[in-house]
Amino acid sequence: MTSGTEIFDYVIIGGGSAGALLTKRLSEDGASVCLLEAGPRDLNPLIHIPAGYIKNVYSRTLTWNFEAEPGVGTNGRRVSLPQGRVLGGSSSINGLNYNRGQSTDFDHWAELGNAGWSFEEVLPYFRRTERKIGPGDPQFRGQDGELPITDLDWHHPISEAFVAGAGELGIPQNPDYNTGHQDGAGYFQRTIYKGLRVSSARAFLGTARQRSNVQIYTNAQATSIEFEGKRASGVRYIKGGPSGKTRTVRARREVIISAGTINTPRLLQISGVGPAGLLNDINVPVVQDLPGVGQHLRDHYGVRMVSRVKNIRTINNMVQGPPLLLEIARWLLRRPSLLAVSPSLAHVFWKSRAELNRPDLMFVFTPASFRQGVAGLLDKDPGMTCGVWQERPESMGYVNARTANPFDAPIIQPNYLAAEEDQQVLLAGMRLARNLMRTSALAPWFDKETAPGDDVESDDEFLDFARREGTTVYHLIGTARMGPASDPGSVVDAQLRVKGIENLRVVDASIMPTMPSANTNAATLMIAEKASDMILGRPAATDSPD
């Protein structure tokens, strides 16, 4: 069934990290904005309690329930790929850590031919978005943005020993890894304020939704982009699931896709923008043959090294009985509490080889451990976990629409560990993770390694463990890659305009040409902030460190 048509200046598809920010920015001057979000409103209280992460990320109602195709790198397993399907998108279900990446990540984007995307040029947009609470160099850190960034305020002796122990291995402490230089160990900064998660929806839509020129539709899944020739003119969507009514919204100025690294290419493809061969296979008329749509998928592939500890309680024991009641009471009183921490507390950014000039490994540490093979369930015995992944993977995969039906899950193949370099870097990371948990600082509590276990010693044994037990770190990028005209695999230009199409942009993590050395939420917000200036025709921001 088809219902009526509405007209707005801008139509934004996806109410996640990028889409929520864009909705606020593009509506500030009175332009009318329609935001379409496929998922529900963010009313579930577990979204806003940071400790609810472990439930949210596996929720079938708050995520898209995507799975990767089996691959050699995962020992033939289908890896779950949670992506947020709720107002706020993945910022409503993620691990809450705020991590920009290295300055050289963005300098590399510019070197690839993307003018305006060097670290010096994107730094003002990182700063504009954030409100750093606590210490921070104002040359690098923002003070006036809507997104509060806070330092860890709940410490555990084992976490402190982990950071101290890194020093024994020659890894210094780094008081602020978000200045563009990551090298070192320390504690994560988080999108948590006064004990609550601050998603993109909470940060940017609170005031935007009060404006008369803003319309936010939830449970509204975009099913196709409408075109007049080579010009994007609107969006068809269905509200209320596959059996709901089909409706159309028109865009006077632009249609902006912020649907995420999986849904953005899928939507482009079923709308007729993508590789002509694929479109013919799924019986979609070709509007624009763009071979790169859905290609160049990258993700961080992580492995957890786990040890049992002794002589101390860890989170495993603190979320049961009276200790949990105490943490709840502390949280209700807005005091530092286990309920208000991110899943990973401490970090190390370091190098797989001594001759490297910047880190290529990221380690995350928590005084907790999960039962092997059971999603989201803590061990009964006290434990600690050090996760590790390669920061800039070379392995690439793809996302292809399975059919023209927007409700059919796409084919997702990340090709984890396909590149030899990825295997070698991860091997070095797993060996260093083992050493990080066996320092003298941790010796009073270290009992034994339970995963992969002391019997795993050779490269083949470590890689076998990685293939059997490794998983996504939820940082998918690249399927609508930004690039110059000379890059035949690119999908958008440096202004994020879809090549060959008028009035259509992509603004989300799918445009990243290479993986930032970081969690992707901070960079996605930066992209949206920069895109808002581009869309509104404003000069690029220039405030930067001297």
Protein backbone atom coordinates (compact mmCIF):
# COMPACT_ATOMS: atom_id res chain seq x y z
CA MET A 1 0.00 0.00 0.00
CA THR A 2 1.30 3.47 -0.87
CA SER A 3 0.54 6.57 1.15
CA GLY A 4 1.13 10.29 0.46
CA THR A 5 4.24 12.34 -0.29
CA GLU A 6 5.97 14.94 1.88
CA ILE A 7 8.62 17.44 0.78
CA PHE A 8 11.67 18.57 2.78
CA ASP A 9 14.86 20.39 1.96
CA TYR A 10 16.97 17.45 3.16
CA VAL A 11 16.12 13.80 3.64
CA ILE A 12 18.57 11.86 5.82
CA ILE A 13 18.52 8.07 5.86
CA GLY A 14 19.75 6.65 9.16
CA GLY A 15 19.46 8.16 12.63
CA GLY A 16 22.81 6.91 13.89
CA SER A 17 26.03 8.71 14.77
CA ALA A 18 26.22 10.70 11.54
CA GLY A 19 22.52 11.10 10.80
CA ALA A 20 21.63 12.50 14.22
CA LEU A 21 24.41 15.09 14.09
CA LEU A 22 23.48 16.11 10.54
CA THR A 23 19.84 16.53 11.52
CA LYS A 24 20.78 19.11 14.11
CA ARG A 25 23.31 20.98 11.97
CA LEU A 26 21.28 21.14 8.75
CA SER A 27 18.15 22.37 10.53
CA GLU A 28 19.85 25.22 12.40
CA ASP A 29 19.24 27.78 9.64
CA GLY A 30 15.56 26.94 9.16
CA ALA A 31 15.93 24.36 6.40
CA SER A 32 13.45 21.50 6.71
CA VAL A 33 14.91 18.09 7.52
CA CYS A 34 13.35 14.63 7.52
CA LEU A 35 15.27 11.91 9.36
CA LEU A 36 14.34 8.29 8.61
CA GLU A 37 15.42 5.69 11.17
CA ALA A 38 14.60 2.03 10.54
CA GLY A 39 14.65 1.14 14.23
CA PRO A 40 12.65 2.29 17.26
CA ARG A 41 13.16 5.24 19.55
CA ASP A 42 15.88 4.86 22.16
CA LEU A 43 13.47 4.26 25.04
CA ASN A 44 14.94 1.01 26.35
CA PRO A 45 16.56 1.95 29.70
CA LEU A 46 19.42 -0.50 29.12
CA ILE A 47 20.57 1.72 26.25
CA HIS A 48 21.33 4.54 28.66
CA ILE A 49 22.98 2.50 31.43
CA PRO A 50 26.55 1.88 30.21
CA ALA A 51 26.66 -1.62 31.71
CA GLY A 52 23.67 -2.47 29.52
CA TYR A 53 26.07 -2.71 26.59
CA ILE A 54 26.46 -6.44 27.01
CA LYS A 55 22.71 -6.90 26.51
CA ASN A 56 22.25 -4.28 23.81
CA VAL A 57 24.98 -5.48 21.46
CA TYR A 58 23.32 -8.90 21.26
CA SER A 59 19.75 -7.57 21.19
CA ARG A 60 17.65 -8.76 18.27
CA THR A 61 15.40 -5.70 18.56
CA LEU A 62 18.15 -3.04 18.70
CA THR A 63 20.44 -4.45 15.99
CA TRP A 64 20.13 -5.60 12.38
CA ASN A 65 21.12 -9.20 13.22
CA PHE A 66 23.63 -9.33 10.38
CA GLU A 67 26.05 -12.23 10.00
CA ALA A 68 29.19 -12.57 7.93
CA GLU A 69 29.48 -15.36 5.39
CA PRO A 70 31.72 -18.25 6.46
CA GLY A 71 35.38 -17.67 5.67
CA VAL A 72 38.78 -19.31 5.92
CA GLY A 73 39.88 -16.63 8.38
CA THR A 74 37.08 -17.61 10.77
CA ASN A 75 37.47 -21.37 10.40
CA GLY A 76 34.22 -21.53 8.45
CA ARG A 77 32.19 -19.74 11.14
CA ARG A 78 29.49 -17.15 10.59
CA VAL A 79 30.53 -14.19 12.73
CA SER A 80 27.74 -12.01 14.12
CA LEU A 81 28.06 -8.38 12.98
CA PRO A 82 25.93 -6.22 15.31
CA GLN A 83 24.94 -2.85 13.85
CA GLY A 84 22.61 -0.51 15.72
CA ARG A 85 19.00 -0.42 14.53
CA VAL A 86 17.63 2.20 16.92
CA LEU A 87 17.70 5.97 17.20
CA GLY A 88 21.35 6.75 17.79
CA GLY A 89 22.40 3.76 15.69
CA SER A 90 25.53 1.99 16.84
CA SER A 91 26.31 4.86 19.24
CA SER A 92 23.36 3.53 21.27
CA ILE A 93 24.80 0.02 21.56
CA ASN A 94 28.58 0.41 21.24
CA GLY A 95 31.34 0.06 23.82
CA LEU A 96 31.33 3.82 24.59
CA ASN A 97 35.07 4.39 24.10
CA TYR A 98 36.04 7.63 22.38
CA ASN A 99 39.08 7.16 20.16
CA ARG A 100 39.95 9.43 17.24
CA GLY A 101 42.91 7.57 15.78
CA GLN A 102 46.35 8.74 14.72
CA SER A 103 47.11 11.97 12.90
CA THR A 104 48.79 9.98 10.13
CA ASP A 105 45.53 8.13 9.44
CA PHE A 106 43.94 11.29 8.13
CA ASP A 107 47.08 12.61 6.49
CA HIS A 108 47.02 9.38 4.50
CA TRP A 109 43.45 10.08 3.39
CA ALA A 110 44.64 13.40 1.98
CA GLU A 111 47.66 11.74 0.35
CA LEU A 112 45.27 9.43 -1.49
CA GLY A 113 43.86 12.49 -3.25
CA ASN A 114 41.08 13.52 -0.85
CA ALA A 115 41.62 17.26 -0.50
CA GLY A 116 40.59 18.71 2.84
CA TRP A 117 40.92 15.50 4.87
CA SER A 118 44.38 15.82 6.45
CA PHE A 119 44.61 15.74 10.24
CA GLU A 120 45.12 19.49 10.42
CA GLU A 121 41.99 19.98 8.32
CA VAL A 122 39.74 17.52 10.20
CA LEU A 123 40.93 18.42 13.71
CA PRO A 124 38.57 21.43 13.95
CA TYR A 125 35.63 19.09 13.35
CA PHE A 126 36.74 16.65 16.03
CA ARG A 127 36.99 19.62 18.39
CA ARG A 128 33.64 21.12 17.38
CA THR A 129 31.72 17.97 18.25
CA GLU A 130 33.15 17.25 21.68
CA ARG A 131 33.03 18.72 25.15
CA LYS A 132 36.06 17.28 26.90
CA ILE A 133 35.44 17.20 30.63
CA GLY A 134 38.59 17.18 32.72
CA PRO A 135 42.18 17.68 31.57
CA GLY A 136 42.79 18.22 27.87
CA ASP A 137 44.98 20.42 25.68
CA PRO A 138 42.59 22.96 24.11
CA GLN A 139 44.71 22.98 20.96
CA PHE A 140 43.48 19.46 20.35
CA ARG A 141 40.41 19.01 22.54
CA GLY A 142 37.03 20.66 22.19
CA GLN A 143 35.29 22.36 25.09
CA ASP A 144 32.00 23.57 23.62
CA GLY A 145 30.50 20.63 21.70
CA GLU A 146 27.40 18.66 22.52
CA LEU A 147 29.13 15.32 23.09
CA PRO A 148 30.66 15.04 26.58
CA ILE A 149 33.88 13.03 26.75
CA THR A 150 34.87 11.93 30.24
CA ASP A 151 37.85 10.18 31.77
CA LEU A 152 37.53 6.83 33.52
CA ASP A 153 36.44 7.36 37.13
CA TRP A 154 36.09 3.73 38.27
CA HIS A 155 39.44 2.02 38.78
CA HIS A 156 40.34 -1.53 39.67
CA PRO A 157 43.73 -2.60 41.07
CA ILE A 158 44.23 -5.07 38.23
CA SER A 159 43.65 -2.38 35.61
CA GLU A 160 46.20 -0.15 37.30
CA ALA A 161 48.65 -3.06 37.43
CA PHE A 162 48.08 -3.70 33.72
CA VAL A 163 49.04 -0.11 32.85
CA ALA A 164 52.02 -0.19 35.22
CA GLY A 165 53.12 -3.53 33.83
CA ALA A 166 53.16 -2.13 30.31
CA GLY A 167 55.94 0.16 31.50
CA GLU A 168 58.02 -2.91 32.37
CA LEU A 169 57.87 -3.80 28.66
CA GLY A 170 59.03 -0.34 27.59
CA ILE A 171 55.56 1.03 26.88
CA PRO A 172 55.14 4.48 28.47
CA GLN A 173 51.94 5.93 29.84
CA ASN A 174 50.08 8.32 27.53
CA PRO A 175 47.81 10.80 29.36
CA ASP A 176 45.75 11.61 26.23
CA TYR A 177 45.71 9.30 23.23
CA ASN A 178 43.27 11.63 21.40
CA THR A 179 45.82 14.27 20.40
CA GLY A 180 46.77 12.32 17.28
CA HIS A 181 49.63 10.44 18.95
CA GLN A 182 48.54 7.16 20.50
CA ASP A 183 51.76 5.45 21.56
CA GLY A 184 51.51 4.16 25.11
CA ALA A 185 49.23 2.82 27.81
CA GLY A 186 46.44 4.42 29.79
CA TYR A 187 42.72 4.52 30.44
CA PHE A 188 39.89 4.99 27.98
CA GLN A 189 37.90 8.17 27.53
CA ARG A 190 34.19 7.53 27.19
CA THR A 191 30.92 8.97 25.91
CA ILE A 192 29.49 8.70 29.42
CA TYR A 193 28.24 11.63 31.49
CA LYS A 194 26.80 11.54 35.00
CA GLY A 195 26.58 7.78 34.82
CA LEU A 196 24.66 7.62 31.54
CA ARG A 197 25.54 6.78 27.94
CA VAL A 198 25.55 9.78 25.63
CA SER A 199 24.66 8.48 22.19
CA SER A 200 24.52 10.64 19.10
CA ALA A 201 20.75 10.75 19.55
CA ARG A 202 21.04 12.10 23.10
CA ALA A 203 23.76 14.57 22.19
CA PHE A 204 22.27 16.05 19.03
CA LEU A 205 18.56 15.28 18.70
CA GLY A 206 17.36 16.64 22.03
CA THR A 207 17.09 20.19 20.73
CA ALA A 208 16.69 19.31 17.04
CA ARG A 209 13.49 17.34 17.58
CA GLN A 210 11.87 20.41 19.16
CA ARG A 211 12.23 22.42 15.96
CA SER A 212 9.18 22.78 13.75
CA ASN A 213 11.35 22.26 10.66
CA VAL A 214 12.50 18.79 11.79
CA GLN A 215 10.55 15.57 11.32
CA ILE A 216 11.95 12.33 12.76
CA TYR A 217 10.34 9.07 11.68
CA THR A 218 11.31 5.90 13.55
CA ASN A 219 10.47 2.35 12.46
CA ALA A 220 10.79 3.78 8.95
CA GLN A 221 13.06 1.73 6.70
CA ALA A 222 14.24 3.27 3.44
CA THR A 223 13.54 0.88 0.58
CA SER A 224 14.93 2.85 -2.38
CA ILE A 225 16.30 6.18 -3.52
CA GLU A 226 14.06 7.89 -6.05
CA PHE A 227 15.72 9.39 -9.14
CA GLU A 228 14.77 11.77 -11.90
CA GLY A 229 17.35 10.81 -14.46
CA LYS A 230 20.69 11.11 -12.64
CA ARG A 231 19.30 13.32 -9.89
CA ALA A 232 18.24 11.97 -6.50
CA SER A 233 14.79 13.37 -5.82
CA GLY A 234 13.53 11.51 -2.78
CA VAL A 235 13.26 8.32 -0.77
CA ARG A 236 10.69 5.55 -0.60
CA TYR A 237 10.32 3.98 2.83
CA ILE A 238 8.08 1.57 4.68
CA LYS A 239 6.92 2.38 8.18
CA GLY A 240 6.20 -0.50 10.50
CA GLY A 241 7.99 -3.42 8.86
CA PRO A 242 7.56 -5.38 5.61
CA SER A 243 3.76 -5.28 5.80
CA GLY A 244 3.63 -1.55 6.51
CA LYS A 245 2.66 1.29 4.21
CA THR A 246 5.04 2.49 1.52
CA ARG A 247 5.54 6.23 1.63
CA THR A 248 7.66 8.76 -0.23
CA VAL A 249 9.53 11.83 0.94
CA ARG A 250 10.93 14.30 -1.57
CA ALA A 251 14.12 16.31 -1.17
CA ARG A 252 14.37 19.82 -2.59
CA ARG A 253 18.11 20.01 -2.00
CA GLU A 254 19.72 16.67 -1.16
CA VAL A 255 19.26 13.09 -0.11
CA ILE A 256 21.91 12.04 2.41
CA ILE A 257 22.60 8.38 3.16
CA SER A 258 23.92 7.75 6.67
CA ALA A 259 22.78 4.15 6.93
CA GLY A 260 26.12 2.62 7.89
CA THR A 261 28.76 0.48 6.23
CA ILE A 262 26.41 -2.44 5.54
CA ASN A 263 23.11 -0.74 4.79
CA THR A 264 24.46 2.18 2.76
CA PRO A 265 25.87 0.06 -0.10
CA ARG A 266 22.91 -2.31 0.06
CA LEU A 267 20.48 0.62 -0.34
CA LEU A 268 22.52 2.12 -3.18
CA GLN A 269 22.58 -1.23 -4.97
CA ILE A 270 18.85 -1.95 -4.75
CA SER A 271 18.24 1.64 -5.91
CA GLY A 272 20.30 1.11 -9.07
CA VAL A 273 23.66 2.56 -8.05
CA GLY A 274 26.45 -0.01 -7.95
CA PRO A 275 28.27 -2.64 -10.02
CA ALA A 276 26.22 -3.20 -13.18
CA GLY A 277 26.81 -6.96 -13.09
CA LEU A 278 25.42 -7.27 -9.57
CA LEU A 279 22.43 -5.06 -10.36
CA ASN A 280 21.62 -7.19 -13.39
CA ASP A 281 21.86 -10.33 -11.25
CA ILE A 282 19.26 -9.01 -8.80
CA ASN A 283 17.08 -7.50 -11.56
CA VAL A 284 17.55 -3.87 -10.60
CA PRO A 285 17.68 -1.31 -13.44
CA VAL A 286 21.05 0.45 -13.57
CA VAL A 287 20.94 4.15 -12.75
CA GLN A 288 24.71 4.53 -12.36
CA ASP A 289 27.35 1.85 -12.82
CA LEU A 290 29.67 2.30 -9.83
CA PRO A 291 31.83 -0.81 -9.38
CA GLY A 292 33.09 0.26 -5.93
CA VAL A 293 29.72 0.24 -4.18
CA GLY A 294 29.92 -2.52 -1.57
CA GLN A 295 33.59 -3.24 -2.16
CA HIS A 296 36.62 -2.51 0.08
CA LEU A 297 34.91 -3.64 3.29
CA ARG A 298 37.32 -3.64 6.22
CA ASP A 299 36.87 -4.44 9.89
CA HIS A 300 38.97 -4.90 12.99
CA TYR A 301 39.26 -8.59 13.84
CA GLY A 302 39.92 -9.10 17.53
CA VAL A 303 41.15 -11.96 19.68
CA ARG A 304 40.66 -12.22 23.45
CA MET A 305 43.51 -13.47 25.63
CA VAL A 306 42.06 -14.56 28.98
CA SER A 307 43.63 -15.37 32.34
CA ARG A 308 42.22 -16.56 35.64
CA VAL A 309 43.24 -14.43 38.63
CA LYS A 310 43.54 -15.10 42.35
CA ASN A 311 43.42 -13.21 45.66
CA ILE A 312 41.09 -10.49 44.34
CA ARG A 313 37.53 -9.99 43.16
CA THR A 314 36.98 -8.99 39.55
CA ILE A 315 33.88 -7.82 37.72
CA ASN A 316 32.89 -11.49 37.39
CA ASN A 317 32.21 -11.56 41.13
CA MET A 318 31.05 -7.96 41.54
CA VAL A 319 27.86 -8.30 39.51
CA GLN A 320 26.27 -10.86 41.79
CA GLY A 321 24.47 -10.57 45.12
CA PRO A 322 25.32 -7.81 47.64
CA PRO A 323 28.28 -6.41 45.62
CA LEU A 324 25.92 -5.71 42.72
CA LEU A 325 23.42 -4.00 45.03
CA LEU A 326 26.23 -1.76 46.26
CA GLU A 327 27.17 -0.81 42.70
CA ILE A 328 23.53 -0.04 41.89
CA ALA A 329 23.31 2.21 44.95
CA ARG A 330 26.49 4.03 43.95
CA TRP A 331 25.15 4.51 40.42
CA LEU A 332 21.85 5.91 41.70
CA LEU A 333 23.82 8.39 43.81
CA ARG A 334 25.84 9.39 40.70
CA ARG A 335 29.04 8.09 42.27
CA PRO A 336 31.67 6.09 40.34
CA SER A 337 30.08 2.71 39.74
CA LEU A 338 30.56 -0.47 37.80
CA LEU A 339 27.24 0.29 36.08
CA ALA A 340 28.78 3.40 34.52
CA VAL A 341 31.90 1.97 32.92
CA SER A 342 32.64 0.93 29.36
CA PRO A 343 33.42 -2.74 28.65
CA SER A 344 37.14 -1.98 28.29
CA LEU A 345 38.88 0.13 30.92
CA ALA A 346 42.55 0.31 29.96
CA HIS A 347 44.40 0.29 26.68
CA VAL A 348 47.79 -0.09 25.03
CA PHE A 349 48.68 1.18 21.56
CA TRP A 350 51.95 -0.33 20.41
CA LYS A 351 54.00 -1.72 17.54
CA SER A 352 54.24 -5.23 16.18
CA ARG A 353 57.84 -4.56 15.15
CA ALA A 354 60.40 -2.30 16.80
CA GLU A 355 61.31 -0.54 13.55
CA LEU A 356 57.80 0.85 12.99
CA ASN A 357 57.33 4.59 13.53
CA ARG A 358 53.76 4.33 14.86
CA PRO A 359 51.54 1.76 16.57
CA ASP A 360 49.77 -0.87 14.52
CA LEU A 361 48.31 -2.82 17.45
CA MET A 362 45.52 -1.95 19.86
CA PHE A 363 45.03 -3.76 23.16
CA VAL A 364 41.98 -3.39 25.39
CA PHE A 365 41.92 -4.61 28.97
CA THR A 366 39.19 -5.35 31.47
CA PRO A 367 39.22 -7.05 34.91
CA ALA A 368 36.60 -9.54 33.73
CA SER A 369 36.28 -12.62 31.56
CA PHE A 370 33.48 -14.26 29.61
CA ARG A 371 32.56 -17.90 29.33
CA GLN A 372 34.00 -19.34 26.16
CA GLY A 373 31.34 -19.90 23.52
CA VAL A 374 28.58 -18.16 25.51
CA ALA A 375 27.80 -14.62 24.37
CA GLY A 376 27.63 -12.05 27.15
CA LEU A 377 27.92 -14.42 30.12
CA LEU A 378 30.69 -13.80 32.65
CA ASP A 379 32.87 -16.55 34.09
CA LYS A 380 32.13 -17.70 37.63
CA ASP A 381 35.80 -17.52 38.63
CA PRO A 382 37.63 -14.16 38.74
CA GLY A 383 39.40 -13.34 35.50
CA MET A 384 40.94 -10.70 33.28
CA THR A 385 40.91 -10.23 29.52
CA CYS A 386 43.26 -8.53 27.10
CA GLY A 387 41.79 -8.16 23.63
CA VAL A 388 44.04 -7.36 20.68
CA TRP A 389 43.65 -6.45 17.03
CA GLN A 390 45.58 -5.01 14.14
CA GLU A 391 44.78 -1.32 13.82
CA ARG A 392 44.99 -0.99 10.03
CA PRO A 393 44.01 -4.29 8.41
CA GLU A 394 44.79 -4.90 4.76
CA SER A 395 42.22 -7.67 4.24
CA MET A 396 39.17 -6.44 2.37
CA GLY A 397 35.77 -7.94 1.65
CA TYR A 398 32.43 -6.86 0.26
CA VAL A 399 28.74 -6.25 0.89
CA ASN A 400 26.32 -7.28 -1.86
CA ALA A 401 22.55 -7.08 -1.92
CA ARG A 402 21.24 -10.64 -1.96
CA THR A 403 18.05 -9.65 -3.77
CA ALA A 404 16.20 -6.46 -4.64
CA ASN A 405 14.06 -6.92 -1.52
CA PRO A 406 15.17 -4.36 1.10
CA PHE A 407 14.19 -6.74 3.88
CA ASP A 408 16.49 -9.54 2.72
CA ALA A 409 19.82 -9.56 4.56
CA PRO A 410 22.77 -8.72 2.29
CA ILE A 411 25.75 -10.96 1.61
CA ILE A 412 28.60 -9.80 3.87
CA GLN A 413 32.09 -11.23 3.46
CA PRO A 414 34.81 -9.41 5.44
CA ASN A 415 37.58 -11.86 4.42
CA TYR A 416 39.16 -11.66 7.85
CA LEU A 417 42.89 -12.50 7.98
CA ALA A 418 43.08 -12.98 4.20
CA ALA A 419 46.20 -10.79 3.98
CA GLU A 420 49.45 -12.33 5.20
CA GLU A 421 50.39 -9.03 6.86
CA ASP A 422 47.24 -9.17 8.98
CA GLN A 423 48.16 -12.62 10.21
CA GLN A 424 51.71 -11.61 11.13
CA VAL A 425 50.64 -8.44 12.97
CA LEU A 426 47.97 -10.31 14.92
CA LEU A 427 50.49 -13.00 15.84
CA ALA A 428 52.81 -10.37 17.28
CA GLY A 429 49.86 -8.85 19.10
CA MET A 430 48.80 -12.10 20.73
CA ARG A 431 52.33 -12.76 21.95
CA LEU A 432 52.57 -9.25 23.38
CA ALA A 433 49.14 -9.61 25.02
CA ARG A 434 50.40 -12.75 26.75
CA ASN A 435 53.41 -10.83 28.03
CA LEU A 436 51.27 -7.89 29.17
CA MET A 437 49.33 -10.21 31.46
CA ARG A 438 52.48 -11.79 32.92
CA THR A 439 54.33 -8.71 34.15
CA SER A 440 55.59 -8.46 37.70
CA ALA A 441 52.94 -5.79 38.37
CA LEU A 442 50.22 -8.39 37.74
CA ALA A 443 52.10 -11.30 39.32
CA PRO A 444 50.29 -11.10 42.72
CA TRP A 445 46.99 -11.87 40.96
CA PHE A 446 47.88 -13.84 37.83
CA ASP A 447 46.91 -17.49 38.20
CA LYS A 448 46.94 -19.07 34.75
CA GLU A 449 46.12 -18.36 31.12
CA THR A 450 42.84 -19.98 30.14
CA ALA A 451 42.61 -18.80 26.51
CA PRO A 452 44.33 -19.75 24.37
CA GLY A 453 46.25 -21.58 27.15
CA ASP A 454 49.88 -22.26 27.95
CA ASP A 455 50.01 -25.18 25.52
CA VAL A 456 49.60 -22.78 22.58
CA GLU A 457 53.09 -21.67 21.55
CA SER A 458 53.71 -21.93 17.79
CA ASP A 459 52.55 -19.49 15.12
CA ASP A 460 50.25 -22.12 13.66
CA GLU A 461 48.67 -22.77 17.05
CA PHE A 462 48.10 -19.07 17.70
CA LEU A 463 46.59 -18.55 14.23
CA ASP A 464 44.36 -21.57 14.67
CA PHE A 465 43.08 -20.07 17.93
CA ALA A 466 42.51 -16.70 16.21
CA ARG A 467 40.52 -18.33 13.42
CA ARG A 468 38.41 -20.39 15.83
CA GLU A 469 37.75 -17.72 18.47
CA GLY A 470 38.35 -14.30 16.90
CA THR A 471 35.50 -11.95 16.15
CA THR A 472 34.48 -8.56 14.85
CA VAL A 473 35.28 -5.45 16.87
CA TYR A 474 32.27 -3.76 15.20
CA HIS A 475 34.36 -1.27 13.19
CA LEU A 476 33.21 -1.85 9.61
CA ILE A 477 34.22 0.77 7.02
CA GLY A 478 34.92 1.44 3.37
CA THR A 479 31.99 0.18 1.26
CA ALA A 480 31.31 3.61 -0.31
CA ARG A 481 34.93 4.68 -0.39
CA MET A 482 35.94 8.31 -0.81
CA GLY A 483 38.46 8.94 -3.54
CA PRO A 484 39.54 11.17 -6.43
CA ALA A 485 38.37 10.79 -10.01
CA SER A 486 41.48 8.72 -10.72
CA ASP A 487 40.35 6.04 -8.24
CA PRO A 488 38.05 3.66 -10.16
CA GLY A 489 36.97 1.96 -6.93
CA SER A 490 35.78 5.10 -5.20
CA VAL A 491 32.09 5.89 -4.72
CA VAL A 492 32.09 9.46 -3.40
CA ASP A 493 34.37 12.43 -3.99
CA ALA A 494 36.05 14.53 -1.32
CA GLN A 495 32.77 16.43 -0.88
CA LEU A 496 31.07 13.07 -0.21
CA ARG A 497 28.93 13.38 -3.36
CA VAL A 498 28.06 10.09 -5.06
CA LYS A 499 29.87 10.02 -8.37
CA GLY A 500 27.67 10.44 -11.42
CA ILE A 501 24.60 11.38 -9.37
CA GLU A 502 23.33 14.83 -8.41
CA ASN A 503 21.96 15.75 -4.98
CA LEU A 504 23.07 12.51 -3.33
CA ARG A 505 25.74 12.19 -0.63
CA VAL A 506 26.97 9.49 1.68
CA VAL A 507 27.94 10.54 5.20
CA ASP A 508 28.96 7.65 7.44
CA ALA A 509 31.83 5.22 8.07
CA SER A 510 31.38 3.62 4.66
CA ILE A 511 33.21 6.56 3.02
CA MET A 512 36.45 5.97 4.95
CA PRO A 513 39.13 5.13 2.37
CA THR A 514 41.27 3.28 4.91
CA MET A 515 40.76 2.14 8.47
CA PRO A 516 41.55 4.68 11.19
CA SER A 517 43.71 3.31 13.99
CA ALA A 518 40.75 3.49 16.34
CA ASN A 519 37.18 2.69 17.18
CA THR A 520 35.18 4.32 14.39
CA ASN A 521 32.50 6.35 16.20
CA ALA A 522 34.65 9.44 16.80
CA ALA A 523 35.80 9.61 13.18
CA THR A 524 32.23 9.09 11.96
CA LEU A 525 31.07 12.07 14.01
CA MET A 526 33.93 14.13 12.58
CA ILE A 527 32.89 13.14 9.05
CA ALA A 528 29.32 14.26 9.72
CA GLU A 529 30.49 17.53 11.26
CA LYS A 530 32.67 18.28 8.25
CA ALA A 531 29.92 17.20 5.85
CA SER A 532 27.49 19.67 7.40
CA ASP A 533 29.76 22.55 6.38
CA MET A 534 30.10 21.11 2.88
CA ILE A 535 26.36 20.65 2.44
CA LEU A 536 25.59 24.15 3.70
CA GLY A 537 28.32 25.68 1.53
CA ARG A 538 30.28 27.04 4.46
CA PRO A 539 34.05 27.57 4.39
CA ALA A 540 36.05 24.77 5.94
CA ALA A 541 36.83 25.30 9.62
CA THR A 542 40.45 26.28 10.15
CA ASP A 543 41.07 26.45 13.91
CA SER A 544 43.98 24.11 14.53
CA PRO A 545 47.07 23.81 16.73
CA ASP A 546 49.91 26.19 16.03
